[in-house]
Amino acid sequence: MSNDALQKFPAEPMLPPTGKDRFRSLGPGLLAAATGVGAGDLVATMIAGAQYGTALLWAAVLGTVLKLALGEGVGRWHLASGSTLLDGWRRLGRWATTFFAAYIVIWGFVYGATAMSAVGLPLNALFGGLTVRYWAMIAGVVGLALVWAQRYHVFEKFMTVLVLIKFVSVVSVAVLVTPDLGDLANGLVPRLPEGSVVYVLGLIGGVGGTITMAAYGYWMFAKGWKGTGWLSMMRLDNAVGYVMTGIFVVAMLVVGSTMLLGQDLTENDRGLLTLGEALGESYGEWARLLFLFGFLAVTSSSLLGVWNGVSLLFADMVRTLRLPHGRAAETVGNDAAVGATANTAAAGAAAAPDTAEERSGAFVATEIERSLPFRGYLLWLTIPPMGLLFIDRPFGLTLVYGVLGSVFMPFLAITLMLLLNSKRIPAQGRSRWLSNTLLGASSALFLTLLVTDLYQRFLG
């Protein structure tokens, strides 16, 4: 390969770490945890706890388990195939990429407003001065500027700090309010209280991310993880991220059920102030500030993670829409190269393209954050959704995001089953009975919850 090609597809360390070094290499899974637990989960979980106590704890735990299996599937596809998830979807046919193209545009508009509103709430509670709406607009613009300027390694370190702040603060508040352990145990028994279907959808469909889960593989590629030799490292990384997710969501449900039980937060966008004031009255001003700064870290990390991760997905979607689909995509030379070299191929990933024709359709991890589609979608997430901020119901927007997420989840689970059981990846990367069972259960559950919700909304 020429020197120019090597610069465009740089060599990365190919040997996965061992021993304690494995924990020092954690990163993409923490980003997934930071992004997936944010605007949707924190607010929706707090509202669910306020309305139903800990009765829906089972939904939060189930959502975490299913997302762990989905995250492992996403990571395994990227490492074993050496190509992106969008390349996998185009191999299934144009129906898959067309669906995703429509979905990512609609989702971005709704979530852009949801994420900005969620950041605006703690900013308003901490600093006042401006309404939630204008704090939200400032948060969106700041997020746009940060993601526009940053590169992955800086982004990962910054997000890791936010993860630690939000995890420590919210879990500390949950311990402070001393929940009833008997109620927590009862909450693990599945049941659907009257009127709780939307909240269950929000918890299961939103816990740990929805469309953002598909960004996990792109962050692995940016970090230099390629080939089946990294499968063990990926599984540890994914597990740590989702264990933290589960603990965090349970903690937030405990706080909502203990401090706000019986309050109708869906009708009041100052519910965050209510919780902060309740903590201050019961435990002192330090408790209120601890929670609010934790809330700010949660929602800020979610916004930044989406601004980066989903923009990566959109930019890759623009690339793949121009490439062959279906059977034509199986032709040698149509795979995406992701900074691979000949050494990468030896580690189990796809080899880098050697010809100009092949490189023209390749996914280049080192260049995508500077691309026009990436930055265009950043603007789409930030500017048009500001119109929705004038609808003074940020909690309602957050719940809509959870329901929209449940639409995407069956698509992700079903397509992963198709891809991971095919000959498109080597045998060591294919699914076995446990993965197929969890992905199958995810598909069935998400479809059932979606149909139930639509029935109640339009025919119930």
Protein backbone atom coordinates (compact mmCIF):
# COMPACT_ATOMS: atom_id res chain seq x y z
CA MET A 1 0.00 0.00 0.00
CA SER A 2 1.27 3.53 -0.77
CA ASN A 3 2.32 6.06 1.89
CA ASP A 4 -0.70 8.19 1.01
CA ALA A 5 -3.01 5.27 1.62
CA LEU A 6 -1.30 4.54 4.94
CA GLN A 7 -1.89 8.12 6.04
CA LYS A 8 -5.55 7.92 5.13
CA PHE A 9 -5.97 4.53 6.80
CA PRO A 10 -3.54 4.83 9.74
CA ALA A 11 -2.19 1.82 11.57
CA GLU A 12 -3.59 1.28 15.09
CA PRO A 13 -2.35 -0.86 17.98
CA MET A 14 -3.69 -4.30 17.21
CA LEU A 15 -2.94 -6.19 20.42
CA PRO A 16 -5.76 -5.99 23.00
CA PRO A 17 -4.64 -5.23 26.56
CA THR A 18 -4.49 -7.89 29.25
CA GLY A 19 -4.90 -7.96 33.02
CA LYS A 20 -5.45 -4.63 34.76
CA ASP A 21 -4.65 -2.80 31.54
CA ARG A 22 -8.06 -3.91 30.24
CA PHE A 23 -9.76 -1.59 32.72
CA ARG A 24 -7.50 1.30 31.75
CA SER A 25 -8.62 0.83 28.14
CA LEU A 26 -12.35 1.13 28.89
CA GLY A 27 -13.94 3.95 26.93
CA PRO A 28 -16.55 3.32 24.25
CA GLY A 29 -18.81 1.51 26.72
CA LEU A 30 -18.63 4.46 29.10
CA LEU A 31 -19.59 6.74 26.23
CA ALA A 32 -22.56 4.50 25.48
CA ALA A 33 -23.57 4.66 29.15
CA ALA A 34 -23.15 8.42 29.24
CA THR A 35 -25.17 8.90 26.06
CA GLY A 36 -27.87 6.30 26.69
CA VAL A 37 -28.70 7.40 30.24
CA GLY A 38 -29.65 10.99 29.99
CA ALA A 39 -32.55 13.12 28.93
CA GLY A 40 -34.92 10.23 28.31
CA ASP A 41 -34.00 7.93 31.17
CA LEU A 42 -33.41 10.36 34.00
CA VAL A 43 -36.57 12.38 33.54
CA ALA A 44 -38.84 9.50 32.50
CA THR A 45 -37.55 7.34 35.37
CA MET A 46 -38.14 10.14 37.86
CA ILE A 47 -41.69 10.60 36.61
CA ALA A 48 -42.34 6.84 36.69
CA GLY A 49 -41.09 6.70 40.27
CA ALA A 50 -43.26 9.65 41.27
CA GLN A 51 -46.39 8.08 39.79
CA TYR A 52 -45.90 4.38 40.52
CA GLY A 53 -43.25 4.18 43.23
CA THR A 54 -40.89 1.27 42.63
CA ALA A 55 -43.57 -0.84 40.88
CA LEU A 56 -41.81 -0.39 37.52
CA LEU A 57 -38.34 -1.26 38.76
CA TRP A 58 -38.54 -4.51 36.80
CA ALA A 59 -38.91 -2.55 33.55
CA ALA A 60 -35.73 -0.58 34.24
CA VAL A 61 -33.76 -3.74 35.04
CA LEU A 62 -35.17 -5.62 32.04
CA GLY A 63 -34.33 -2.72 29.76
CA THR A 64 -30.75 -2.76 31.03
CA VAL A 65 -30.32 -6.53 30.45
CA LEU A 66 -31.74 -6.39 26.94
CA LYS A 67 -29.63 -3.38 26.02
CA LEU A 68 -26.51 -5.18 27.24
CA ALA A 69 -27.25 -7.98 24.76
CA LEU A 70 -27.96 -5.49 21.98
CA GLY A 71 -24.79 -3.53 22.70
CA GLU A 72 -22.75 -6.72 22.57
CA GLY A 73 -24.31 -7.55 19.21
CA VAL A 74 -23.53 -4.13 17.78
CA GLY A 75 -19.92 -4.34 18.96
CA ARG A 76 -19.50 -7.89 17.71
CA TRP A 77 -20.73 -6.99 14.22
CA HIS A 78 -18.23 -4.15 13.89
CA LEU A 79 -15.27 -6.17 15.15
CA ALA A 80 -16.03 -9.43 13.35
CA SER A 81 -17.11 -7.96 10.00
CA GLY A 82 -14.61 -5.11 9.86
CA SER A 83 -17.39 -2.85 8.57
CA THR A 84 -19.93 -0.46 10.03
CA LEU A 85 -23.50 -1.24 10.98
CA LEU A 86 -24.77 0.84 8.08
CA ASP A 87 -22.76 -1.40 5.74
CA GLY A 88 -24.51 -4.36 7.31
CA TRP A 89 -27.93 -2.82 6.77
CA ARG A 90 -27.23 -2.05 3.10
CA ARG A 91 -26.36 -5.73 2.62
CA LEU A 92 -29.86 -6.57 3.81
CA GLY A 93 -31.38 -4.34 1.15
CA ARG A 94 -32.38 -0.76 0.49
CA TRP A 95 -35.47 -1.12 2.73
CA ALA A 96 -33.20 -1.11 5.79
CA THR A 97 -31.18 1.99 4.92
CA THR A 98 -34.30 3.81 3.68
CA PHE A 99 -36.10 3.14 6.96
CA PHE A 100 -33.10 4.31 8.94
CA ALA A 101 -32.70 7.45 6.82
CA ALA A 102 -36.30 8.50 7.51
CA TYR A 103 -36.05 7.55 11.16
CA ILE A 104 -32.79 9.39 11.93
CA VAL A 105 -34.15 12.62 10.47
CA ILE A 106 -37.40 12.48 12.49
CA TRP A 107 -35.66 11.25 15.62
CA GLY A 108 -33.06 14.01 15.47
CA PHE A 109 -35.71 16.72 15.37
CA VAL A 110 -37.59 15.35 18.39
CA TYR A 111 -34.54 14.43 20.41
CA GLY A 112 -32.76 17.71 19.73
CA ALA A 113 -35.50 19.57 21.61
CA THR A 114 -35.70 16.89 24.31
CA ALA A 115 -31.96 16.95 25.01
CA MET A 116 -31.72 20.72 25.11
CA SER A 117 -34.76 20.96 27.39
CA ALA A 118 -33.29 18.40 29.76
CA VAL A 119 -30.04 20.38 30.07
CA GLY A 120 -31.97 23.62 30.47
CA LEU A 121 -33.86 22.31 33.51
CA PRO A 122 -30.87 21.95 35.90
CA LEU A 123 -29.26 25.11 34.54
CA ASN A 124 -32.40 27.03 35.39
CA ALA A 125 -32.57 25.46 38.84
CA LEU A 126 -28.92 26.18 39.61
CA PHE A 127 -28.43 29.63 38.15
CA GLY A 128 -31.88 31.08 37.38
CA GLY A 129 -31.87 34.31 35.41
CA LEU A 130 -33.20 32.75 32.21
CA THR A 131 -36.14 30.48 31.55
CA VAL A 132 -35.63 26.78 30.79
CA ARG A 133 -36.21 27.55 27.10
CA TYR A 134 -33.29 29.94 26.78
CA TRP A 135 -30.93 27.90 28.91
CA ALA A 136 -31.79 24.99 26.61
CA MET A 137 -30.93 27.01 23.52
CA ILE A 138 -27.58 28.02 25.05
CA ALA A 139 -26.86 24.37 25.91
CA GLY A 140 -27.56 23.29 22.34
CA VAL A 141 -25.24 25.89 20.85
CA VAL A 142 -22.44 25.09 23.34
CA GLY A 143 -22.81 21.38 22.57
CA LEU A 144 -22.65 22.13 18.85
CA ALA A 145 -19.43 24.11 19.28
CA LEU A 146 -17.76 21.50 21.49
CA VAL A 147 -18.50 18.55 19.20
CA TRP A 148 -17.65 20.56 16.09
CA ALA A 149 -14.16 21.30 17.48
CA GLN A 150 -13.29 18.08 19.39
CA ARG A 151 -11.80 14.81 18.22
CA TYR A 152 -12.50 11.37 19.65
CA HIS A 153 -9.71 11.00 22.22
CA VAL A 154 -10.39 14.41 23.77
CA PHE A 155 -14.11 13.72 23.60
CA GLU A 156 -13.73 10.39 25.43
CA LYS A 157 -11.79 11.92 28.32
CA PHE A 158 -14.25 14.76 28.73
CA MET A 159 -17.22 12.42 28.70
CA THR A 160 -15.57 10.07 31.22
CA VAL A 161 -15.38 12.92 33.73
CA LEU A 162 -19.09 13.64 33.23
CA VAL A 163 -19.90 9.94 33.70
CA LEU A 164 -18.11 9.85 37.05
CA ILE A 165 -19.82 13.04 38.25
CA LYS A 166 -23.30 11.87 37.36
CA PHE A 167 -22.85 8.35 38.69
CA VAL A 168 -21.45 9.39 42.06
CA SER A 169 -23.93 12.21 42.60
CA VAL A 170 -27.16 10.39 41.75
CA VAL A 171 -26.20 7.13 43.48
CA SER A 172 -25.20 9.14 46.56
CA VAL A 173 -28.59 10.84 46.63
CA ALA A 174 -30.33 7.46 46.31
CA VAL A 175 -28.39 6.13 49.30
CA LEU A 176 -29.18 9.32 51.21
CA VAL A 177 -32.96 8.92 50.89
CA THR A 178 -32.76 5.37 52.38
CA PRO A 179 -35.27 3.43 50.26
CA ASP A 180 -37.43 0.63 51.62
CA LEU A 181 -35.66 -2.57 50.60
CA GLY A 182 -38.93 -4.51 50.69
CA ASP A 183 -40.50 -2.14 48.16
CA LEU A 184 -37.44 -2.51 45.95
CA ALA A 185 -37.76 -6.30 46.03
CA ASN A 186 -41.48 -6.09 45.18
CA GLY A 187 -40.64 -3.82 42.26
CA LEU A 188 -38.73 -6.65 40.61
CA VAL A 189 -42.01 -8.55 40.07
CA PRO A 190 -43.34 -7.66 36.58
CA ARG A 191 -46.75 -5.96 36.57
CA LEU A 192 -48.46 -3.17 34.68
CA PRO A 193 -50.36 -0.69 36.87
CA GLU A 194 -53.22 1.12 35.15
CA GLY A 195 -51.99 3.78 32.75
CA SER A 196 -48.35 2.70 33.00
CA VAL A 197 -47.76 1.37 29.46
CA VAL A 198 -46.20 4.60 28.17
CA TYR A 199 -43.87 4.70 31.17
CA VAL A 200 -42.88 1.06 30.65
CA LEU A 201 -42.11 1.88 27.02
CA GLY A 202 -40.00 4.79 28.16
CA LEU A 203 -38.07 2.66 30.66
CA ILE A 204 -37.51 -0.43 28.50
CA GLY A 205 -37.22 1.41 25.20
CA GLY A 206 -35.07 4.21 26.54
CA VAL A 207 -32.87 2.68 29.25
CA GLY A 208 -29.29 2.71 28.03
CA GLY A 209 -30.02 4.29 24.68
CA THR A 210 -32.03 3.65 21.52
CA ILE A 211 -30.60 4.81 18.21
CA THR A 212 -27.47 5.84 20.11
CA MET A 213 -26.61 2.17 20.64
CA ALA A 214 -25.67 1.93 16.98
CA ALA A 215 -22.90 4.49 17.57
CA TYR A 216 -20.99 2.10 19.85
CA GLY A 217 -19.07 0.49 17.00
CA TYR A 218 -18.01 3.83 15.55
CA TRP A 219 -16.44 4.81 18.88
CA MET A 220 -14.62 1.46 18.99
CA PHE A 221 -13.20 2.09 15.52
CA ALA A 222 -12.15 5.61 16.56
CA LYS A 223 -10.29 4.11 19.53
CA GLY A 224 -8.52 1.61 17.27
CA TRP A 225 -10.38 -1.59 18.18
CA LYS A 226 -10.57 -3.81 15.11
CA GLY A 227 -10.79 -7.55 14.56
CA THR A 228 -12.12 -10.52 16.51
CA GLY A 229 -9.14 -10.37 18.85
CA TRP A 230 -10.89 -7.44 20.56
CA LEU A 231 -14.16 -9.31 21.24
CA SER A 232 -13.25 -10.06 24.86
CA MET A 233 -12.24 -6.45 25.50
CA MET A 234 -15.44 -5.22 23.89
CA ARG A 235 -17.59 -7.49 26.07
CA LEU A 236 -15.91 -6.20 29.24
CA ASP A 237 -16.28 -2.61 28.07
CA ASN A 238 -19.94 -3.13 27.19
CA ALA A 239 -20.69 -4.92 30.48
CA VAL A 240 -19.10 -2.21 32.63
CA GLY A 241 -21.09 0.45 30.81
CA TYR A 242 -24.42 -1.30 31.25
CA VAL A 243 -23.83 -2.37 34.86
CA MET A 244 -23.31 1.32 35.59
CA THR A 245 -26.45 2.05 33.59
CA GLY A 246 -28.53 -0.39 35.63
CA ILE A 247 -27.31 0.94 38.98
CA PHE A 248 -27.86 4.51 37.86
CA VAL A 249 -31.41 3.99 36.62
CA VAL A 250 -32.42 2.10 39.77
CA ALA A 251 -30.97 4.95 41.84
CA MET A 252 -33.01 7.52 39.93
CA LEU A 253 -36.20 5.49 40.29
CA VAL A 254 -35.56 5.28 44.04
CA VAL A 255 -35.11 9.05 44.30
CA GLY A 256 -38.29 9.75 42.34
CA SER A 257 -40.39 7.22 44.25
CA THR A 258 -39.13 8.35 47.67
CA MET A 259 -39.20 12.11 47.27
CA LEU A 260 -41.95 12.77 44.71
CA LEU A 261 -44.49 9.93 45.01
CA GLY A 262 -47.96 11.09 43.96
CA GLN A 263 -46.91 14.32 42.23
CA ASP A 264 -48.01 14.86 38.63
CA LEU A 265 -44.72 15.95 37.11
CA THR A 266 -45.89 15.49 33.52
CA GLU A 267 -47.99 18.63 33.87
CA ASN A 268 -45.22 20.77 35.35
CA ASP A 269 -41.86 21.48 33.76
CA ARG A 270 -40.59 22.70 37.14
CA GLY A 271 -40.65 19.19 38.56
CA LEU A 272 -36.88 19.27 38.80
CA LEU A 273 -37.10 22.28 41.12
CA THR A 274 -39.65 20.39 43.19
CA LEU A 275 -37.24 17.50 43.66
CA GLY A 276 -34.31 19.78 44.40
CA GLU A 277 -36.32 21.74 46.95
CA ALA A 278 -37.55 18.54 48.60
CA LEU A 279 -33.98 17.29 48.97
CA GLY A 280 -32.90 20.67 50.35
CA GLU A 281 -35.70 20.73 52.91
CA SER A 282 -35.04 17.18 54.06
CA TYR A 283 -31.24 17.03 54.03
CA GLY A 284 -29.90 20.53 53.53
CA GLU A 285 -28.83 22.75 50.66
CA TRP A 286 -25.81 20.55 49.90
CA ALA A 287 -28.12 17.67 48.94
CA ARG A 288 -30.06 19.88 46.56
CA LEU A 289 -26.87 21.08 44.87
CA LEU A 290 -25.43 17.55 44.71
CA PHE A 291 -28.49 16.33 42.85
CA LEU A 292 -28.71 19.32 40.51
CA PHE A 293 -25.05 19.12 39.48
CA GLY A 294 -25.50 15.38 38.95
CA PHE A 295 -28.57 16.07 36.83
CA LEU A 296 -26.60 18.59 34.81
CA ALA A 297 -23.79 16.08 34.22
CA VAL A 298 -26.34 13.45 33.14
CA THR A 299 -28.16 15.60 30.63
CA SER A 300 -25.01 17.31 29.32
CA SER A 301 -23.26 14.00 28.66
CA SER A 302 -26.33 12.67 26.89
CA LEU A 303 -26.55 15.75 24.68
CA LEU A 304 -22.86 15.67 23.78
CA GLY A 305 -22.93 11.91 23.15
CA VAL A 306 -25.85 12.20 20.77
CA TRP A 307 -24.42 15.24 19.01
CA ASN A 308 -21.30 13.18 18.32
CA GLY A 309 -22.53 9.59 17.98
CA VAL A 310 -25.71 10.08 15.96
CA SER A 311 -23.96 12.58 13.70
CA LEU A 312 -21.44 9.80 12.97
CA LEU A 313 -24.34 7.53 12.05
CA PHE A 314 -25.88 10.15 9.77
CA ALA A 315 -22.59 10.81 8.00
CA ASP A 316 -22.08 7.09 7.45
CA MET A 317 -25.67 6.77 6.23
CA VAL A 318 -24.99 9.41 3.56
CA ARG A 319 -21.97 7.36 2.47
CA THR A 320 -23.80 4.03 2.33
CA LEU A 321 -26.86 5.32 0.46
CA ARG A 322 -24.61 5.89 -2.55
CA LEU A 323 -23.17 2.37 -2.45
CA PRO A 324 -24.57 -0.92 -3.84
CA HIS A 325 -27.29 -2.60 -1.78
CA GLY A 326 -28.57 -6.14 -1.35
CA ARG A 327 -26.77 -8.82 -3.32
CA ALA A 328 -24.67 -6.24 -5.13
CA ALA A 329 -23.22 -5.17 -1.78
CA GLU A 330 -21.77 -8.64 -1.28
CA THR A 331 -19.34 -8.08 -4.17
CA VAL A 332 -15.70 -7.98 -3.13
CA GLY A 333 -14.47 -4.38 -2.87
CA ASN A 334 -17.71 -2.89 -1.56
CA ASP A 335 -16.93 -3.30 2.14
CA ALA A 336 -16.11 -0.28 4.28
CA ALA A 337 -12.57 0.12 5.50
CA VAL A 338 -12.28 1.72 8.89
CA GLY A 339 -8.68 2.76 9.20
CA ALA A 340 -7.60 -0.84 8.61
CA THR A 341 -4.21 -1.95 7.39
CA ALA A 342 -2.73 -5.25 6.43
CA ASN A 343 -2.01 -5.83 10.11
CA THR A 344 -5.68 -5.28 10.87
CA ALA A 345 -6.62 -8.01 8.47
CA ALA A 346 -4.29 -10.38 10.24
CA ALA A 347 -6.11 -9.59 13.49
CA GLY A 348 -9.41 -10.61 11.97
CA ALA A 349 -10.82 -7.42 10.45
CA ALA A 350 -11.32 -6.52 6.82
CA ALA A 351 -8.26 -5.40 4.93
CA ALA A 352 -7.95 -1.81 3.84
CA PRO A 353 -8.90 -0.99 0.27
CA ASP A 354 -5.94 -0.73 -2.06
CA THR A 355 -7.54 0.98 -5.03
CA ALA A 356 -8.86 4.51 -5.43
CA GLU A 357 -12.27 3.13 -6.40
CA GLU A 358 -12.52 1.10 -3.22
CA ARG A 359 -11.29 3.96 -1.01
CA SER A 360 -13.87 6.35 -2.46
CA GLY A 361 -16.65 4.39 -0.77
CA ALA A 362 -14.82 3.62 2.45
CA PHE A 363 -15.70 4.78 5.94
CA VAL A 364 -12.67 6.69 7.24
CA ALA A 365 -12.83 7.11 11.00
CA THR A 366 -10.16 9.81 11.05
CA GLU A 367 -12.02 12.06 8.60
CA ILE A 368 -15.72 11.65 9.25
CA GLU A 369 -15.92 14.22 12.08
CA ARG A 370 -14.77 16.88 9.62
CA SER A 371 -17.22 15.87 6.90
CA LEU A 372 -20.10 17.99 5.62
CA PRO A 373 -22.82 15.40 6.51
CA PHE A 374 -21.48 15.13 10.08
CA ARG A 375 -21.55 18.86 10.62
CA GLY A 376 -24.81 19.28 8.74
CA TYR A 377 -26.55 16.83 11.08
CA LEU A 378 -25.03 18.65 14.06
CA LEU A 379 -26.84 21.75 12.86
CA TRP A 380 -30.05 19.74 12.30
CA LEU A 381 -29.95 18.51 15.90
CA THR A 382 -29.47 22.02 17.22
CA ILE A 383 -31.23 24.71 15.18
CA PRO A 384 -34.66 23.44 13.91
CA PRO A 385 -35.61 21.73 17.23
CA MET A 386 -35.38 25.08 19.00
CA GLY A 387 -38.89 25.76 17.68
CA LEU A 388 -40.18 22.89 19.82
CA LEU A 389 -38.72 24.55 22.91
CA PHE A 390 -41.57 27.04 22.79
CA ILE A 391 -43.89 24.17 23.71
CA ASP A 392 -43.51 24.43 27.47
CA ARG A 393 -43.57 20.68 28.16
CA PRO A 394 -40.01 19.35 28.19
CA PHE A 395 -41.11 16.32 30.24
CA GLY A 396 -43.65 15.43 27.57
CA LEU A 397 -41.02 15.70 24.86
CA THR A 398 -38.79 13.37 26.82
CA LEU A 399 -41.50 10.73 27.05
CA VAL A 400 -42.13 11.02 23.29
CA TYR A 401 -38.43 10.26 22.78
CA GLY A 402 -38.83 7.06 24.79
CA VAL A 403 -41.75 5.91 22.65
CA LEU A 404 -39.88 6.75 19.43
CA GLY A 405 -36.97 4.73 20.74
CA SER A 406 -39.20 1.69 21.09
CA VAL A 407 -39.92 1.89 17.33
CA PHE A 408 -36.24 1.63 16.49
CA MET A 409 -35.41 -1.16 18.91
CA PRO A 410 -37.26 -4.01 17.09
CA PHE A 411 -35.53 -2.92 13.88
CA LEU A 412 -32.11 -3.03 15.54
CA ALA A 413 -32.68 -6.38 17.26
CA ILE A 414 -34.11 -8.12 14.17
CA THR A 415 -31.43 -6.85 11.80
CA LEU A 416 -28.68 -7.82 14.24
CA MET A 417 -30.08 -11.36 14.34
CA LEU A 418 -30.02 -11.50 10.55
CA LEU A 419 -26.47 -10.17 10.27
CA LEU A 420 -24.91 -12.07 13.17
CA ASN A 421 -26.26 -15.43 12.01
CA SER A 422 -25.05 -15.02 8.44
CA LYS A 423 -21.87 -15.95 6.62
CA ARG A 424 -21.06 -12.26 6.31
CA ILE A 425 -18.85 -12.59 9.40
CA PRO A 426 -16.37 -15.28 10.46
CA ALA A 427 -17.60 -18.19 12.58
CA GLN A 428 -16.10 -16.87 15.82
CA GLY A 429 -18.23 -13.73 15.50
CA ARG A 430 -21.57 -15.41 14.85
CA SER A 431 -24.35 -15.60 17.40
CA ARG A 432 -24.95 -18.64 19.56
CA TRP A 433 -27.99 -19.71 21.54
CA LEU A 434 -27.70 -17.12 24.35
CA SER A 435 -27.30 -14.14 22.05
CA ASN A 436 -30.09 -15.36 19.77
CA THR A 437 -32.39 -15.92 22.77
CA LEU A 438 -31.83 -12.42 24.13
CA LEU A 439 -32.06 -10.72 20.75
CA GLY A 440 -35.20 -12.72 19.94
CA ALA A 441 -36.75 -11.79 23.28
CA SER A 442 -35.84 -8.15 22.65
CA SER A 443 -37.52 -8.19 19.26
CA ALA A 444 -40.70 -9.80 20.57
CA LEU A 445 -40.94 -7.57 23.63
CA PHE A 446 -40.32 -4.31 21.81
CA LEU A 447 -42.86 -5.21 19.13
CA THR A 448 -45.45 -6.17 21.74
CA LEU A 449 -44.95 -3.00 23.75
CA LEU A 450 -45.13 -0.88 20.62
CA VAL A 451 -48.36 -2.47 19.37
CA THR A 452 -49.92 -2.23 22.83
CA ASP A 453 -49.11 1.44 23.09
CA LEU A 454 -50.42 2.26 19.61
CA TYR A 455 -53.63 0.37 20.34
CA GLN A 456 -54.25 2.27 23.55
CA ARG A 457 -53.50 5.60 21.94
CA PHE A 458 -55.74 5.22 18.89
CA LEU A 459 -58.29 2.51 19.71
CA GLY A 460 -58.29 2.17 23.48
